[in-house]
C-alpha atoms as a PDB file:
ATOM      1  CA  MET A   1      62.354  -9.949  21.691  1.00  0.00           C
ATOM      2  CA  ARG A   2      60.895 -12.341  19.124  1.00  0.00           C
ATOM      3  CA  LYS A   3      57.798 -12.909  21.235  1.00  0.00           C
ATOM      4  CA  MET A   4      57.305  -9.152  21.505  1.00  0.00           C
ATOM      5  CA  ALA A   5      57.560  -8.762  17.719  1.00  0.00           C
ATOM      6  CA  LEU A   6      55.099 -11.611  17.209  1.00  0.00           C
ATOM      7  CA  VAL A   7      52.617 -10.072  19.655  1.00  0.00           C
ATOM      8  CA  ILE A   8      52.874  -6.682  17.917  1.00  0.00           C
ATOM      9  CA  ALA A   9      52.371  -8.300  14.497  1.00  0.00           C
ATOM     10  CA  VAL A  10      49.289 -10.190  15.706  1.00  0.00           C
ATOM     11  CA  LEU A  11      47.799  -7.090  17.295  1.00  0.00           C
ATOM     12  CA  THR A  12      48.456  -5.102  14.130  1.00  0.00           C
ATOM     13  CA  LEU A  13      46.704  -7.695  12.000  1.00  0.00           C
ATOM     14  CA  VAL A  14      43.774  -7.861  14.401  1.00  0.00           C
ATOM     15  CA  GLY A  15      43.472  -4.087  14.222  1.00  0.00           C
ATOM     16  CA  CYS A  16      43.250  -4.221  10.418  1.00  0.00           C
ATOM     17  CA  ASP A  17      39.712  -5.630  10.588  1.00  0.00           C
ATOM     18  CA  GLU A  18      38.549  -3.038  13.086  1.00  0.00           C
ATOM     19  CA  GLY A  19      35.634  -0.994  11.782  1.00  0.00           C
ATOM     20  CA  LYS A  20      34.463  -3.782   9.516  1.00  0.00           C
ATOM     21  CA  GLY A  21      31.908  -5.072  11.953  1.00  0.00           C
ATOM     22  CA  VAL A  22      28.230  -5.572  11.347  1.00  0.00           C
ATOM     23  CA  ASP A  23      27.512  -1.876  11.830  1.00  0.00           C
ATOM     24  CA  ALA A  24      30.039  -0.792   9.226  1.00  0.00           C
ATOM     25  CA  GLN A  25      28.789  -3.055   6.423  1.00  0.00           C
ATOM     26  CA  LYS A  26      27.417  -1.299   3.384  1.00  0.00           C
ATOM     27  CA  PRO A  27      23.771  -2.002   2.697  1.00  0.00           C
ATOM     28  CA  GLN A  28      23.324  -4.359  -0.219  1.00  0.00           C
ATOM     29  CA  PRO A  29      21.021  -3.106  -2.970  1.00  0.00           C
ATOM     30  CA  THR A  30      17.840  -5.110  -3.171  1.00  0.00           C
ATOM     31  CA  VAL A  31      17.267  -6.907  -6.412  1.00  0.00           C
ATOM     32  CA  ALA A  32      13.630  -7.037  -7.348  1.00  0.00           C
ATOM     33  CA  SER A  33      12.960 -10.245  -9.194  1.00  0.00           C
ATOM     34  CA  ALA A  34       9.791 -10.040 -11.167  1.00  0.00           C
ATOM     35  CA  PRO A  35       8.025 -13.319 -11.857  1.00  0.00           C
ATOM     36  CA  ALA A  36       8.574 -14.558 -15.356  1.00  0.00           C
ATOM     37  CA  ALA A  37       5.698 -13.412 -17.465  1.00  0.00           C
ATOM     38  CA  THR A  38       4.453 -16.220 -19.649  1.00  0.00           C
ATOM     39  CA  THR A  39       2.692 -14.973 -22.712  1.00  0.00           C
ATOM     40  CA  GLY A  40       1.860 -18.343 -24.172  1.00  0.00           C
ATOM     41  CA  PRO A  41       1.962 -22.016 -23.447  1.00  0.00           C
ATOM     42  CA  GLN A  42       5.076 -23.619 -22.059  1.00  0.00           C
ATOM     43  CA  TRP A  43       6.466 -26.943 -23.201  1.00  0.00           C
ATOM     44  CA  ASP A  44       8.113 -29.940 -21.542  1.00  0.00           C
ATOM     45  CA  VAL A  45       9.867 -33.054 -22.706  1.00  0.00           C
ATOM     46  CA  GLU A  46       8.166 -36.088 -21.204  1.00  0.00           C
ATOM     47  CA  VAL A  47      10.476 -39.074 -20.823  1.00  0.00           C
ATOM     48  CA  ARG A  48       8.794 -42.390 -20.257  1.00  0.00           C
ATOM     49  CA  GLY A  49       9.620 -46.052 -20.320  1.00  0.00           C
ATOM     50  CA  GLU A  50       7.507 -49.166 -20.598  1.00  0.00           C
ATOM     51  CA  THR A  51       7.867 -50.257 -16.983  1.00  0.00           C
ATOM     52  CA  PRO A  52       6.380 -48.110 -14.204  1.00  0.00           C
ATOM     53  CA  GLN A  53       8.969 -49.181 -11.610  1.00  0.00           C
ATOM     54  CA  ALA A  54      11.664 -47.566 -13.759  1.00  0.00           C
ATOM     55  CA  VAL A  55      10.544 -44.029 -12.820  1.00  0.00           C
ATOM     56  CA  SER A  56      13.166 -43.597 -10.105  1.00  0.00           C
ATOM     57  CA  ASP A  57      15.872 -45.239 -12.224  1.00  0.00           C
ATOM     58  CA  LEU A  58      15.024 -43.102 -15.243  1.00  0.00           C
ATOM     59  CA  SER A  59      14.821 -39.835 -13.303  1.00  0.00           C
ATOM     60  CA  GLY A  60      18.129 -40.674 -11.605  1.00  0.00           C
ATOM     61  CA  TRP A  61      19.729 -41.403 -14.975  1.00  0.00           C
ATOM     62  CA  LEU A  62      18.498 -38.068 -16.345  1.00  0.00           C
ATOM     63  CA  ILE A  63      19.974 -36.195 -13.377  1.00  0.00           C
ATOM     64  CA  GLU A  64      23.295 -38.047 -13.760  1.00  0.00           C
ATOM     65  CA  HIS A  65      23.419 -36.905 -17.381  1.00  0.00           C
ATOM     66  CA  SER A  66      22.690 -33.227 -16.543  1.00  0.00           C
ATOM     67  CA  PHE A  67      19.028 -33.199 -17.524  1.00  0.00           C
ATOM     68  CA  VAL A  68      17.060 -31.448 -14.785  1.00  0.00           C
ATOM     69  CA  SER A  69      13.860 -33.420 -14.446  1.00  0.00           C
ATOM     70  CA  SER A  70      10.844 -33.411 -12.213  1.00  0.00           C
ATOM     71  CA  VAL A  71       8.461 -36.216 -11.354  1.00  0.00           C
ATOM     72  CA  ILE A  72       4.795 -35.263 -11.149  1.00  0.00           C
ATOM     73  CA  ARG A  73       1.569 -37.159 -10.624  1.00  0.00           C
ATOM     74  CA  ASP A  74      -1.063 -36.189 -13.179  1.00  0.00           C
ATOM     75  CA  ASN A  75      -4.486 -37.863 -12.898  1.00  0.00           C
ATOM     76  CA  GLY A  76      -2.971 -40.791 -11.011  1.00  0.00           C
ATOM     77  CA  LYS A  77      -0.224 -41.284 -13.591  1.00  0.00           C
ATOM     78  CA  VAL A  78       3.445 -40.620 -12.738  1.00  0.00           C
ATOM     79  CA  ARG A  79       5.231 -38.513 -15.358  1.00  0.00           C
ATOM     80  CA  ILE A  80       8.888 -37.483 -15.721  1.00  0.00           C
ATOM     81  CA  LEU A  81       9.240 -34.024 -17.255  1.00  0.00           C
ATOM     82  CA  VAL A  82      12.290 -32.095 -18.406  1.00  0.00           C
ATOM     83  CA  GLY A  83      11.538 -28.387 -18.653  1.00  0.00           C
ATOM     84  CA  PRO A  84       9.472 -26.215 -18.890  1.00  0.00           C
ATOM     85  CA  PHE A  85      10.603 -24.362 -21.997  1.00  0.00           C
ATOM     86  CA  ASN A  86       9.148 -21.126 -23.342  1.00  0.00           C
ATOM     87  CA  SER A  87       8.923 -22.321 -26.932  1.00  0.00           C
ATOM     88  CA  LYS A  88       8.212 -25.571 -28.670  1.00  0.00           C
ATOM     89  CA  ALA A  89      11.491 -25.221 -30.598  1.00  0.00           C
ATOM     90  CA  GLU A  90      13.477 -25.165 -27.340  1.00  0.00           C
ATOM     91  CA  ALA A  91      11.630 -28.268 -26.149  1.00  0.00           C
ATOM     92  CA  GLU A  92      12.297 -30.045 -29.447  1.00  0.00           C
ATOM     93  CA  ALA A  93      16.020 -29.209 -29.196  1.00  0.00           C
ATOM     94  CA  LYS A  94      16.140 -30.646 -25.657  1.00  0.00           C
ATOM     95  CA  GLN A  95      14.180 -33.674 -26.868  1.00  0.00           C
ATOM     96  CA  ALA A  96      16.880 -34.299 -29.478  1.00  0.00           C
ATOM     97  CA  GLU A  97      19.585 -34.046 -26.764  1.00  0.00           C
ATOM     98  CA  VAL A  98      17.748 -36.491 -24.486  1.00  0.00           C
ATOM     99  CA  THR A  99      17.127 -38.929 -27.334  1.00  0.00           C
ATOM    100  CA  ALA A 100      20.790 -38.788 -28.377  1.00  0.00           C
ATOM    101  CA  ALA A 101      21.929 -39.419 -24.779  1.00  0.00           C
ATOM    102  CA  LEU A 102      19.501 -42.358 -24.471  1.00  0.00           C
ATOM    103  CA  THR A 103      20.822 -43.813 -27.724  1.00  0.00           C
ATOM    104  CA  ARG A 104      24.469 -43.435 -26.628  1.00  0.00           C
ATOM    105  CA  ALA A 105      23.641 -45.174 -23.343  1.00  0.00           C
ATOM    106  CA  LYS A 106      21.828 -47.951 -25.255  1.00  0.00           C
ATOM    107  CA  LYS A 107      18.651 -47.362 -23.289  1.00  0.00           C
ATOM    108  CA  ARG A 108      15.824 -49.135 -25.077  1.00  0.00           C
ATOM    109  CA  ASN A 109      12.049 -48.803 -24.894  1.00  0.00           C
ATOM    110  CA  ILE A 110      12.281 -45.241 -23.579  1.00  0.00           C
ATOM    111  CA  GLU A 111      10.753 -42.388 -25.499  1.00  0.00           C
ATOM    112  CA  ALA A 112      10.962 -38.625 -25.213  1.00  0.00           C
ATOM    113  CA  LEU A 113       7.934 -36.622 -26.283  1.00  0.00           C
ATOM    114  CA  VAL A 114       7.294 -32.881 -26.444  1.00  0.00           C
ATOM    115  CA  VAL A 115       4.144 -32.086 -24.471  1.00  0.00           C
ATOM    116  CA  GLU A 116       2.443 -28.917 -23.334  1.00  0.00           C
ATOM    117  CA  HIS A 117       3.355 -27.950 -19.754  1.00  0.00           C
ATOM    118  CA  PRO A 118       0.596 -29.016 -17.330  1.00  0.00           C
ATOM    119  CA  THR A 119      -1.066 -26.073 -15.616  1.00  0.00           C
ATOM    120  CA  ALA A 120      -1.639 -26.034 -11.872  1.00  0.00           C
ATOM    121  CA  GLN A 121      -5.294 -26.362 -11.005  1.00  0.00           C
END
């Protein structure tokens, strides 16, 4: 008797999902994402140290401390950039955060500068 009750319960639960197959799914509304319109220049915070081999260490440290950075090669020079930001004020605020984090971590000979975002050519 218990096995029969268990079988009926399982079949009932299996039947609950009936009609929820691929054909019965509601169509999801499409979200049109328009590209961000930039009306003016964008800004980055460039973080650089004195030693070129420290690029991977410095970019790793930034990521560990929740600063999303990117490493680019510009005219043969490797640069670490945090950003881009839509205004210079935003970039300066992030620069202050990065500088404070570097100071707390006692990182020396590393500077953070606000620079204009390099354009793709």
